[in-house]
C-alpha atoms as a PDB file:
ATOM      1  CA  MET A   1      15.523 -29.683 125.915  1.00  0.00           C
ATOM      2  CA  ALA A   2      13.550 -26.442 125.985  1.00  0.00           C
ATOM      3  CA  SER A   3      16.659 -24.287 126.217  1.00  0.00           C
ATOM      4  CA  VAL A   4      19.025 -25.946 123.749  1.00  0.00           C
ATOM      5  CA  GLY A   5      16.862 -28.277 121.659  1.00  0.00           C
ATOM      6  CA  ALA A   6      19.104 -31.338 122.100  1.00  0.00           C
ATOM      7  CA  ARG A   7      20.281 -33.592 124.903  1.00  0.00           C
ATOM      8  CA  LEU A   8      22.639 -36.568 125.027  1.00  0.00           C
ATOM      9  CA  SER A   9      21.674 -39.023 127.767  1.00  0.00           C
ATOM     10  CA  ALA A  10      23.700 -41.591 129.670  1.00  0.00           C
ATOM     11  CA  PRO A  11      23.587 -45.165 128.349  1.00  0.00           C
ATOM     12  CA  LEU A  12      20.096 -46.673 128.389  1.00  0.00           C
ATOM     13  CA  PRO A  13      20.511 -50.339 127.412  1.00  0.00           C
ATOM     14  CA  ALA A  14      23.044 -52.502 129.240  1.00  0.00           C
ATOM     15  CA  ARG A  15      26.206 -53.353 127.315  1.00  0.00           C
ATOM     16  CA  THR A  16      24.991 -56.864 126.473  1.00  0.00           C
ATOM     17  CA  GLN A  17      21.748 -55.393 125.119  1.00  0.00           C
ATOM     18  CA  VAL A  18      23.721 -52.903 123.035  1.00  0.00           C
ATOM     19  CA  ASP A  19      25.675 -55.839 121.620  1.00  0.00           C
ATOM     20  CA  HIS A  20      22.395 -57.439 120.523  1.00  0.00           C
ATOM     21  CA  LEU A  21      21.354 -54.179 118.836  1.00  0.00           C
ATOM     22  CA  ILE A  22      24.706 -53.936 117.058  1.00  0.00           C
ATOM     23  CA  ALA A  23      24.318 -57.514 115.789  1.00  0.00           C
ATOM     24  CA  GLU A  24      20.763 -56.737 114.658  1.00  0.00           C
ATOM     25  CA  ALA A  25      21.944 -53.669 112.727  1.00  0.00           C
ATOM     26  CA  ASP A  26      24.648 -55.780 111.115  1.00  0.00           C
ATOM     27  CA  THR A  27      22.020 -58.315 110.012  1.00  0.00           C
ATOM     28  CA  LEU A  28      19.868 -55.548 108.535  1.00  0.00           C
ATOM     29  CA  TYR A  29      22.901 -54.140 106.726  1.00  0.00           C
ATOM     30  CA  HIS A  30      23.784 -57.434 105.068  1.00  0.00           C
ATOM     31  CA  ARG A  31      20.174 -58.126 104.101  1.00  0.00           C
ATOM     32  CA  ALA A  32      19.970 -54.676 102.499  1.00  0.00           C
ATOM     33  CA  ALA A  33      23.353 -55.069 100.786  1.00  0.00           C
ATOM     34  CA  SER A  34      22.069 -58.160  98.996  1.00  0.00           C
ATOM     35  CA  ALA A  35      19.001 -56.325  97.658  1.00  0.00           C
ATOM     36  CA  ALA A  36      19.096 -55.027  94.097  1.00  0.00           C
ATOM     37  CA  ASN A  37      16.926 -51.929  94.548  1.00  0.00           C
ATOM     38  CA  GLY A  38      19.045 -49.753  96.812  1.00  0.00           C
ATOM     39  CA  ASP A  39      20.169 -47.153  94.281  1.00  0.00           C
ATOM     40  CA  LYS A  40      17.377 -44.799  95.316  1.00  0.00           C
ATOM     41  CA  VAL A  41      14.462 -44.729  97.710  1.00  0.00           C
ATOM     42  CA  THR A  42      11.345 -46.183  96.046  1.00  0.00           C
ATOM     43  CA  LEU A  43       7.751 -46.966  96.988  1.00  0.00           C
ATOM     44  CA  THR A  44       8.813 -50.451  98.058  1.00  0.00           C
ATOM     45  CA  SER A  45      12.539 -50.387  98.853  1.00  0.00           C
ATOM     46  CA  ARG A  46      13.439 -50.504 102.546  1.00  0.00           C
ATOM     47  CA  SER A  47      17.053 -49.403 102.065  1.00  0.00           C
ATOM     48  CA  VAL A  48      19.241 -47.043 100.087  1.00  0.00           C
ATOM     49  CA  THR A  49      22.946 -47.086  99.258  1.00  0.00           C
ATOM     50  CA  GLU A  50      25.577 -44.427  99.761  1.00  0.00           C
ATOM     51  CA  PRO A  51      26.148 -41.912  96.948  1.00  0.00           C
ATOM     52  CA  GLN A  52      28.799 -43.531  94.755  1.00  0.00           C
ATOM     53  CA  ARG A  53      32.249 -41.973  95.083  1.00  0.00           C
ATOM     54  CA  GLU A  54      35.152 -42.764  92.828  1.00  0.00           C
ATOM     55  CA  GLY A  55      37.213 -45.624  94.216  1.00  0.00           C
ATOM     56  CA  ALA A  56      34.678 -46.479  96.908  1.00  0.00           C
ATOM     57  CA  PRO A  57      32.856 -49.830  96.943  1.00  0.00           C
ATOM     58  CA  PRO A  58      29.028 -49.785  97.161  1.00  0.00           C
ATOM     59  CA  ALA A  59      27.675 -49.569 100.704  1.00  0.00           C
ATOM     60  CA  VAL A  60      24.315 -49.297 102.468  1.00  0.00           C
ATOM     61  CA  ARG A  61      23.483 -45.818 103.776  1.00  0.00           C
ATOM     62  CA  SER A  62      20.119 -46.399 105.506  1.00  0.00           C
ATOM     63  CA  VAL A  63      17.635 -49.166 106.267  1.00  0.00           C
ATOM     64  CA  PHE A  64      14.121 -47.781 106.747  1.00  0.00           C
ATOM     65  CA  ALA A  65      11.327 -48.728 109.178  1.00  0.00           C
ATOM     66  CA  PRO A  66      13.309 -51.265 111.254  1.00  0.00           C
ATOM     67  CA  HIS A  67      10.727 -50.858 114.039  1.00  0.00           C
ATOM     68  CA  ARG A  68       8.318 -52.725 111.735  1.00  0.00           C
ATOM     69  CA  THR A  69      10.583 -55.672 110.943  1.00  0.00           C
ATOM     70  CA  SER A  70      12.767 -56.035 114.039  1.00  0.00           C
ATOM     71  CA  LEU A  71      11.207 -56.782 117.408  1.00  0.00           C
ATOM     72  CA  LEU A  72      14.533 -55.925 119.039  1.00  0.00           C
ATOM     73  CA  ILE A  73      14.714 -52.430 117.548  1.00  0.00           C
ATOM     74  CA  ASN A  74      11.008 -51.854 118.145  1.00  0.00           C
ATOM     75  CA  ARG A  75      11.456 -52.603 121.850  1.00  0.00           C
ATOM     76  CA  ALA A  76      14.594 -50.473 122.047  1.00  0.00           C
ATOM     77  CA  GLN A  77      12.842 -47.481 120.506  1.00  0.00           C
ATOM     78  CA  ARG A  78       9.890 -47.891 122.885  1.00  0.00           C
ATOM     79  CA  ASP A  79      12.121 -47.986 125.958  1.00  0.00           C
ATOM     80  CA  SER A  80      10.060 -46.478 128.778  1.00  0.00           C
ATOM     81  CA  ARG A  81      12.764 -43.987 129.688  1.00  0.00           C
ATOM     82  CA  MET A  82      12.700 -42.462 126.190  1.00  0.00           C
ATOM     83  CA  VAL A  83       8.938 -42.707 125.694  1.00  0.00           C
ATOM     84  CA  ASP A  84       8.227 -41.132 129.088  1.00  0.00           C
ATOM     85  CA  ALA A  85      10.654 -38.284 128.363  1.00  0.00           C
ATOM     86  CA  ALA A  86       9.044 -37.683 124.961  1.00  0.00           C
ATOM     87  CA  ARG A  87       5.563 -37.688 126.501  1.00  0.00           C
ATOM     88  CA  GLN A  88       6.658 -35.113 129.042  1.00  0.00           C
ATOM     89  CA  ILE A  89       8.292 -32.857 126.450  1.00  0.00           C
ATOM     90  CA  LEU A  90       5.425 -33.060 123.935  1.00  0.00           C
ATOM     91  CA  ASP A  91       2.681 -33.195 126.600  1.00  0.00           C
ATOM     92  CA  ASP A  92       0.963 -35.953 124.629  1.00  0.00           C
ATOM     93  CA  ASP A  93       1.062 -39.642 123.830  1.00  0.00           C
ATOM     94  CA  ILE A  94       3.503 -40.454 121.034  1.00  0.00           C
ATOM     95  CA  PHE A  95       3.982 -42.839 118.124  1.00  0.00           C
ATOM     96  CA  ILE A  96       6.946 -43.573 115.863  1.00  0.00           C
ATOM     97  CA  HIS A  97       6.531 -41.442 112.739  1.00  0.00           C
ATOM     98  CA  GLN A  98       9.724 -42.681 111.119  1.00  0.00           C
ATOM     99  CA  SER A  99      12.687 -44.912 111.916  1.00  0.00           C
ATOM    100  CA  ARG A 100      15.845 -46.058 110.199  1.00  0.00           C
ATOM    101  CA  VAL A 101      19.299 -47.433 110.855  1.00  0.00           C
ATOM    102  CA  ASN A 102      21.976 -45.114 109.478  1.00  0.00           C
ATOM    103  CA  PHE A 103      25.410 -46.417 108.511  1.00  0.00           C
ATOM    104  CA  GLN A 104      28.356 -44.156 107.815  1.00  0.00           C
ATOM    105  CA  ARG A 105      31.220 -46.324 106.676  1.00  0.00           C
ATOM    106  CA  ALA A 106      34.843 -45.592 107.381  1.00  0.00           C
ATOM    107  CA  ILE A 107      36.816 -43.373 104.978  1.00  0.00           C
ATOM    108  CA  HIS A 108      34.088 -43.154 102.292  1.00  0.00           C
ATOM    109  CA  GLY A 109      30.946 -42.396 104.340  1.00  0.00           C
ATOM    110  CA  THR A 110      29.012 -39.323 103.228  1.00  0.00           C
ATOM    111  CA  GLY A 111      27.223 -36.875 105.503  1.00  0.00           C
ATOM    112  CA  PHE A 112      23.990 -34.873 105.438  1.00  0.00           C
ATOM    113  CA  PHE A 113      23.813 -31.131 104.740  1.00  0.00           C
ATOM    114  CA  TRP A 114      22.353 -28.690 107.270  1.00  0.00           C
ATOM    115  CA  HIS A 115      18.596 -29.014 107.665  1.00  0.00           C
ATOM    116  CA  SER A 116      15.670 -28.978 110.079  1.00  0.00           C
ATOM    117  CA  ASP A 117      13.657 -32.216 109.939  1.00  0.00           C
ATOM    118  CA  ILE A 118      10.263 -30.648 110.554  1.00  0.00           C
ATOM    119  CA  GLU A 119      10.489 -28.650 107.326  1.00  0.00           C
ATOM    120  CA  THR A 120      10.257 -31.932 105.391  1.00  0.00           C
ATOM    121  CA  TRP A 121       7.833 -33.614 107.783  1.00  0.00           C
ATOM    122  CA  MET A 122       5.351 -30.754 107.435  1.00  0.00           C
ATOM    123  CA  SER A 123       5.781 -30.020 103.720  1.00  0.00           C
ATOM    124  CA  GLU A 124       6.111 -33.617 102.406  1.00  0.00           C
ATOM    125  CA  ASP A 125       4.501 -35.748 105.145  1.00  0.00           C
ATOM    126  CA  GLY A 126       1.639 -33.448 106.110  1.00  0.00           C
ATOM    127  CA  LEU A 127       2.303 -33.098 109.847  1.00  0.00           C
ATOM    128  CA  PRO A 128       0.189 -30.130 111.029  1.00  0.00           C
ATOM    129  CA  GLN A 129       2.562 -28.731 113.664  1.00  0.00           C
ATOM    130  CA  PRO A 130       6.228 -28.934 114.770  1.00  0.00           C
ATOM    131  CA  ARG A 131       5.348 -31.278 117.640  1.00  0.00           C
ATOM    132  CA  ALA A 132       7.858 -34.078 117.239  1.00  0.00           C
ATOM    133  CA  LEU A 133      11.359 -34.941 118.336  1.00  0.00           C
ATOM    134  CA  SER A 134      14.124 -37.263 117.212  1.00  0.00           C
ATOM    135  CA  GLN A 135      15.798 -40.005 119.230  1.00  0.00           C
ATOM    136  CA  VAL A 136      19.128 -41.497 118.215  1.00  0.00           C
ATOM    137  CA  ILE A 137      20.481 -44.676 119.834  1.00  0.00           C
ATOM    138  CA  LEU A 138      24.245 -44.756 119.293  1.00  0.00           C
ATOM    139  CA  LEU A 139      25.540 -48.186 118.268  1.00  0.00           C
ATOM    140  CA  SER A 140      29.155 -47.115 117.818  1.00  0.00           C
ATOM    141  CA  ARG A 141      31.512 -44.438 119.068  1.00  0.00           C
ATOM    142  CA  ASN A 142      30.412 -41.083 117.666  1.00  0.00           C
ATOM    143  CA  ARG A 143      33.215 -38.539 117.372  1.00  0.00           C
ATOM    144  CA  ALA A 144      33.757 -35.332 115.459  1.00  0.00           C
ATOM    145  CA  THR A 145      36.419 -37.236 113.527  1.00  0.00           C
ATOM    146  CA  ASN A 146      34.012 -39.903 112.208  1.00  0.00           C
ATOM    147  CA  GLY A 147      31.045 -37.747 111.223  1.00  0.00           C
ATOM    148  CA  ALA A 148      29.204 -37.304 114.530  1.00  0.00           C
ATOM    149  CA  LEU A 149      26.025 -35.272 114.271  1.00  0.00           C
ATOM    150  CA  MET A 150      26.494 -31.510 114.529  1.00  0.00           C
ATOM    151  CA  VAL A 151      23.656 -29.555 116.142  1.00  0.00           C
ATOM    152  CA  VAL A 152      23.057 -25.832 116.557  1.00  0.00           C
ATOM    153  CA  PRO A 153      21.746 -25.586 120.154  1.00  0.00           C
ATOM    154  CA  GLY A 154      18.872 -23.119 120.451  1.00  0.00           C
ATOM    155  CA  SER A 155      18.105 -23.091 116.727  1.00  0.00           C
ATOM    156  CA  HIS A 156      14.818 -24.917 117.369  1.00  0.00           C
ATOM    157  CA  ARG A 157      13.346 -21.631 118.612  1.00  0.00           C
ATOM    158  CA  PHE A 158      13.729 -19.981 115.191  1.00  0.00           C
ATOM    159  CA  TRP A 159      12.047 -20.889 111.906  1.00  0.00           C
ATOM    160  CA  ALA A 160      14.411 -20.813 108.923  1.00  0.00           C
ATOM    161  CA  SER A 161      12.104 -20.630 105.908  1.00  0.00           C
ATOM    162  CA  CYS A 162      13.729 -22.609 103.093  1.00  0.00           C
ATOM    163  CA  PRO A 163      13.684 -21.248  99.525  1.00  0.00           C
ATOM    164  CA  GLY A 164      12.720 -23.231  96.442  1.00  0.00           C
ATOM    165  CA  GLU A 165       9.907 -25.576  95.416  1.00  0.00           C
ATOM    166  CA  THR A 166       9.850 -29.258  96.355  1.00  0.00           C
ATOM    167  CA  PRO A 167      10.474 -31.290  93.166  1.00  0.00           C
ATOM    168  CA  GLU A 168       8.451 -34.350  92.197  1.00  0.00           C
ATOM    169  CA  ALA A 169       9.318 -37.409  94.332  1.00  0.00           C
ATOM    170  CA  ASN A 170      12.007 -35.463  96.182  1.00  0.00           C
ATOM    171  CA  TRP A 171      12.272 -38.310  98.700  1.00  0.00           C
ATOM    172  CA  GLU A 172      13.796 -40.605  96.060  1.00  0.00           C
ATOM    173  CA  THR A 173      17.100 -38.741  96.264  1.00  0.00           C
ATOM    174  CA  SER A 174      16.964 -36.459  99.327  1.00  0.00           C
ATOM    175  CA  LEU A 175      17.639 -39.393 101.686  1.00  0.00           C
ATOM    176  CA  LYS A 176      20.580 -40.579  99.599  1.00  0.00           C
ATOM    177  CA  ALA A 177      22.419 -37.717  97.922  1.00  0.00           C
ATOM    178  CA  ALA A 178      23.193 -34.191  99.087  1.00  0.00           C
ATOM    179  CA  GLN A 179      19.939 -32.480 100.031  1.00  0.00           C
ATOM    180  CA  GLN A 180      19.155 -29.583  97.681  1.00  0.00           C
ATOM    181  CA  TYR A 181      15.726 -28.538  98.940  1.00  0.00           C
ATOM    182  CA  GLY A 182      14.479 -27.863 102.446  1.00  0.00           C
ATOM    183  CA  THR A 183      17.862 -26.506 103.541  1.00  0.00           C
ATOM    184  CA  PRO A 184      18.700 -23.088 105.015  1.00  0.00           C
ATOM    185  CA  THR A 185      20.434 -20.328 103.094  1.00  0.00           C
ATOM    186  CA  GLY A 186      24.032 -19.391 103.805  1.00  0.00           C
ATOM    187  CA  GLU A 187      22.890 -16.197 105.533  1.00  0.00           C
ATOM    188  CA  GLN A 188      20.472 -18.093 107.773  1.00  0.00           C
ATOM    189  CA  LEU A 189      23.168 -20.598 108.701  1.00  0.00           C
ATOM    190  CA  GLU A 190      25.689 -17.848 109.471  1.00  0.00           C
ATOM    191  CA  THR A 191      23.164 -16.048 111.683  1.00  0.00           C
ATOM    192  CA  LEU A 192      22.102 -19.103 113.691  1.00  0.00           C
ATOM    193  CA  VAL A 193      25.594 -20.569 114.089  1.00  0.00           C
ATOM    194  CA  GLY A 194      26.913 -17.112 114.936  1.00  0.00           C
ATOM    195  CA  ALA A 195      24.333 -16.808 117.700  1.00  0.00           C
ATOM    196  CA  PHE A 196      24.432 -20.345 119.121  1.00  0.00           C
ATOM    197  CA  GLY A 197      27.546 -22.117 117.861  1.00  0.00           C
ATOM    198  CA  ILE A 198      27.855 -25.807 116.919  1.00  0.00           C
ATOM    199  CA  ASN A 199      27.945 -28.797 119.250  1.00  0.00           C
ATOM    200  CA  TYR A 200      29.099 -32.288 118.283  1.00  0.00           C
ATOM    201  CA  ALA A 201      26.842 -35.066 119.591  1.00  0.00           C
ATOM    202  CA  GLU A 202      29.729 -37.278 120.665  1.00  0.00           C
ATOM    203  CA  GLY A 203      29.022 -40.401 122.676  1.00  0.00           C
ATOM    204  CA  GLU A 204      29.516 -44.108 123.258  1.00  0.00           C
ATOM    205  CA  PRO A 205      27.469 -47.167 122.199  1.00  0.00           C
ATOM    206  CA  GLY A 206      24.216 -47.180 124.161  1.00  0.00           C
ATOM    207  CA  ASP A 207      24.062 -43.410 124.619  1.00  0.00           C
ATOM    208  CA  VAL A 208      20.862 -41.749 123.405  1.00  0.00           C
ATOM    209  CA  LEU A 209      20.485 -38.338 121.789  1.00  0.00           C
ATOM    210  CA  MET A 210      17.105 -36.600 121.697  1.00  0.00           C
ATOM    211  CA  PHE A 211      16.530 -33.330 119.873  1.00  0.00           C
ATOM    212  CA  ASP A 212      13.664 -31.074 118.859  1.00  0.00           C
ATOM    213  CA  CYS A 213      12.244 -31.483 115.346  1.00  0.00           C
ATOM    214  CA  ASN A 214      13.237 -27.916 114.422  1.00  0.00           C
ATOM    215  CA  THR A 215      16.851 -28.172 115.595  1.00  0.00           C
ATOM    216  CA  LEU A 216      19.293 -27.376 112.800  1.00  0.00           C
ATOM    217  CA  HIS A 217      21.720 -30.270 112.337  1.00  0.00           C
ATOM    218  CA  ALA A 218      24.123 -31.886 109.857  1.00  0.00           C
ATOM    219  CA  SER A 219      26.931 -34.405 109.609  1.00  0.00           C
ATOM    220  CA  ALA A 220      30.201 -34.266 107.728  1.00  0.00           C
ATOM    221  CA  ASN A 221      31.767 -36.958 105.553  1.00  0.00           C
ATOM    222  CA  ASN A 222      33.552 -39.662 107.518  1.00  0.00           C
ATOM    223  CA  LEU A 223      37.188 -39.591 106.426  1.00  0.00           C
ATOM    224  CA  SER A 224      38.389 -41.557 109.448  1.00  0.00           C
ATOM    225  CA  PRO A 225      39.066 -45.328 109.578  1.00  0.00           C
ATOM    226  CA  GLU A 226      36.276 -45.704 112.171  1.00  0.00           C
ATOM    227  CA  GLY A 227      32.751 -46.401 110.881  1.00  0.00           C
ATOM    228  CA  ARG A 228      29.593 -45.141 112.550  1.00  0.00           C
ATOM    229  CA  CYS A 229      26.121 -46.679 113.028  1.00  0.00           C
ATOM    230  CA  ASN A 230      23.039 -45.290 114.813  1.00  0.00           C
ATOM    231  CA  VAL A 231      19.351 -46.174 115.136  1.00  0.00           C
ATOM    232  CA  PHE A 232      17.240 -43.101 114.364  1.00  0.00           C
ATOM    233  CA  GLY A 233      13.582 -42.638 115.277  1.00  0.00           C
ATOM    234  CA  VAL A 234      10.968 -39.902 115.348  1.00  0.00           C
ATOM    235  CA  PHE A 235       8.523 -39.496 118.231  1.00  0.00           C
ATOM    236  CA  ASN A 236       5.479 -37.626 116.925  1.00  0.00           C
ATOM    237  CA  ALA A 237       2.702 -36.337 119.173  1.00  0.00           C
ATOM    238  CA  ALA A 238      -0.375 -38.565 118.872  1.00  0.00           C
ATOM    239  CA  SER A 239      -2.497 -35.500 118.103  1.00  0.00           C
ATOM    240  CA  ASN A 240      -0.110 -34.470 115.305  1.00  0.00           C
ATOM    241  CA  ARG A 241      -0.838 -37.172 112.719  1.00  0.00           C
ATOM    242  CA  ALA A 242      -0.559 -36.366 109.016  1.00  0.00           C
ATOM    243  CA  VAL A 243      -3.760 -34.829 107.656  1.00  0.00           C
ATOM    244  CA  GLY A 244      -5.300 -34.232 104.261  1.00  0.00           C
ATOM    245  CA  ASP A 245      -5.317 -36.053 100.931  1.00  0.00           C
ATOM    246  CA  ARG A 246      -1.933 -34.674  99.904  1.00  0.00           C
ATOM    247  CA  PRO A 247       0.919 -32.842 101.636  1.00  0.00           C
ATOM    248  CA  PRO A 248       1.030 -29.036 101.412  1.00  0.00           C
ATOM    249  CA  ALA A 249       4.275 -28.769  99.409  1.00  0.00           C
ATOM    250  CA  ALA A 250       4.444 -32.001  97.395  1.00  0.00           C
ATOM    251  CA  SER A 251       2.203 -33.827  94.923  1.00  0.00           C
ATOM    252  CA  THR A 252       2.088 -37.047  96.982  1.00  0.00           C
ATOM    253  CA  PHE A 253       2.984 -38.250 100.454  1.00  0.00           C
ATOM    254  CA  ARG A 254       6.276 -40.014 101.034  1.00  0.00           C
ATOM    255  CA  PRO A 255       6.048 -43.838 101.196  1.00  0.00           C
ATOM    256  CA  GLU A 256       4.630 -45.476 104.307  1.00  0.00           C
ATOM    257  CA  HIS A 257       8.018 -46.961 105.270  1.00  0.00           C
ATOM    258  CA  ILE A 258       9.436 -43.409 105.312  1.00  0.00           C
ATOM    259  CA  ALA A 259       6.572 -41.695 107.156  1.00  0.00           C
ATOM    260  CA  SER A 260       3.748 -43.461 109.014  1.00  0.00           C
ATOM    261  CA  ARG A 261       0.136 -42.721 108.056  1.00  0.00           C
ATOM    262  CA  GLU A 262      -1.559 -46.106 108.435  1.00  0.00           C
ATOM    263  CA  THR A 263      -3.862 -46.064 111.451  1.00  0.00           C
ATOM    264  CA  GLN A 264      -2.394 -49.166 113.101  1.00  0.00           C
ATOM    265  CA  TRP A 265       1.081 -47.609 113.109  1.00  0.00           C
ATOM    266  CA  CYS A 266      -0.115 -44.233 114.417  1.00  0.00           C
ATOM    267  CA  GLN A 267      -1.593 -45.508 117.674  1.00  0.00           C
ATOM    268  CA  PRO A 268       0.085 -44.382 120.905  1.00  0.00           C
ATOM    269  CA  SER A 269       3.239 -46.380 121.580  1.00  0.00           C
ATOM    270  CA  ARG A 270       3.207 -48.444 124.740  1.00  0.00           C
ATOM    271  CA  PRO A 271       6.499 -48.062 126.622  1.00  0.00           C
ATOM    272  CA  VAL A 272       8.630 -51.124 127.365  1.00  0.00           C
ATOM    273  CA  ASP A 273      10.689 -51.599 130.522  1.00  0.00           C
ATOM    274  CA  ASN A 274      13.860 -53.081 129.053  1.00  0.00           C
ATOM    275  CA  THR A 275      15.453 -53.296 132.502  1.00  0.00           C
ATOM    276  CA  VAL A 276      12.886 -55.980 133.413  1.00  0.00           C
ATOM    277  CA  SER A 277      12.673 -57.735 130.040  1.00  0.00           C
ATOM    278  CA  PRO A 278      16.177 -57.380 128.549  1.00  0.00           C
ATOM    279  CA  LEU A 279      16.661 -56.953 124.829  1.00  0.00           C
ATOM    280  CA  THR A 280      17.649 -60.201 123.147  1.00  0.00           C
ATOM    281  CA  SER A 281      18.317 -61.325 119.606  1.00  0.00           C
ATOM    282  CA  THR A 282      15.251 -62.056 117.408  1.00  0.00           C
ATOM    283  CA  PRO A 283      14.595 -62.946 113.755  1.00  0.00           C
ATOM    284  CA  VAL A 284      14.265 -59.985 111.386  1.00  0.00           C
ATOM    285  CA  GLY A 285      12.879 -59.373 107.938  1.00  0.00           C
ATOM    286  CA  VAL A 286       9.105 -59.957 108.071  1.00  0.00           C
ATOM    287  CA  GLU A 287       6.864 -56.979 108.782  1.00  0.00           C
ATOM    288  CA  MET A 288       5.128 -57.486 112.093  1.00  0.00           C
ATOM    289  CA  ASP A 289       1.371 -57.771 112.244  1.00  0.00           C
ATOM    290  CA  PHE A 290      -0.476 -55.814 114.899  1.00  0.00           C
ATOM    291  CA  HIS A 291      -3.770 -57.140 116.248  1.00  0.00           C
ATOM    292  CA  GLY A 292      -5.969 -54.734 118.189  1.00  0.00           C
ATOM    293  CA  ASP A 293      -3.207 -53.098 120.196  1.00  0.00           C
ATOM    294  CA  PRO A 294      -0.506 -51.913 117.704  1.00  0.00           C
ATOM    295  CA  PRO A 295       2.319 -51.642 120.275  1.00  0.00           C
ATOM    296  CA  MET A 296       1.803 -55.296 121.296  1.00  0.00           C
ATOM    297  CA  LEU A 297       4.032 -57.492 119.168  1.00  0.00           C
ATOM    298  CA  HIS A 298       3.704 -61.229 118.680  1.00  0.00           C
ATOM    299  CA  GLY A 299       5.312 -63.110 121.550  1.00  0.00           C
ATOM    300  CA  GLU A 300       5.493 -60.000 123.789  1.00  0.00           C
ATOM    301  CA  ARG A 301       3.808 -59.923 127.161  1.00  0.00           C
ATOM    302  CA  ASP A 302       3.684 -57.499 130.049  1.00  0.00           C
END
């Protein structure tokens, strides 16, 4: 991780457990598709639709904070093998700063422009330092042909200062349409790609990608007949919680379901050994209530 900023690991969950996660993502998709407020991210909406393209039917792009409404996804994201790796890399306890399920449909799925996540997390969420990393659980085949994530290995060691001023409520559209702010210039992109190249994070269902919060990455439109779905999460160092009454480069913080600030959701995550207690299907849709020990979910025991 220290040398390239990204690593794709061998499958973590067993195939049957991956099947449960795929079914869970499908349930979340259909619940979100039936909602009427998915045109843009709002203070209350937990999903957003794809940018509308001519001739393309409406489709869900992302479902936010699934670790709060799905016990299955919560346990998957707290898998001890990922949590222990994150603790070692960040030299700290961790908590989930953000999570979402991303869907990139076949033929019409849109991508994300080049960006470094920490630029937004510091300027709009108020994280003090770049001490976080992303984990992506692949729920489908990820190939260059169907919009697999592109990363610039080694770019995490360089800070690409992004021009422009963050507009009011930038989060309403930045997670849906093409990102216009918090992105590198053409010269910066040419320099970093020229120095380090581009790698495609290709993998199979159950593979896990982890990358540094400052790693430059993007994804292209999916023009293939093969859709793509991944569970995305952010491990933030426990000592790196958002601070202040307002973020440094925005008038207000992003909504809680986009970036965690509530104390109960910023407690150190307790890792789960999913090899001992296999992932199984569970009801979804109601935000889980934490009592005393936030990582302990109802019905879960050591």
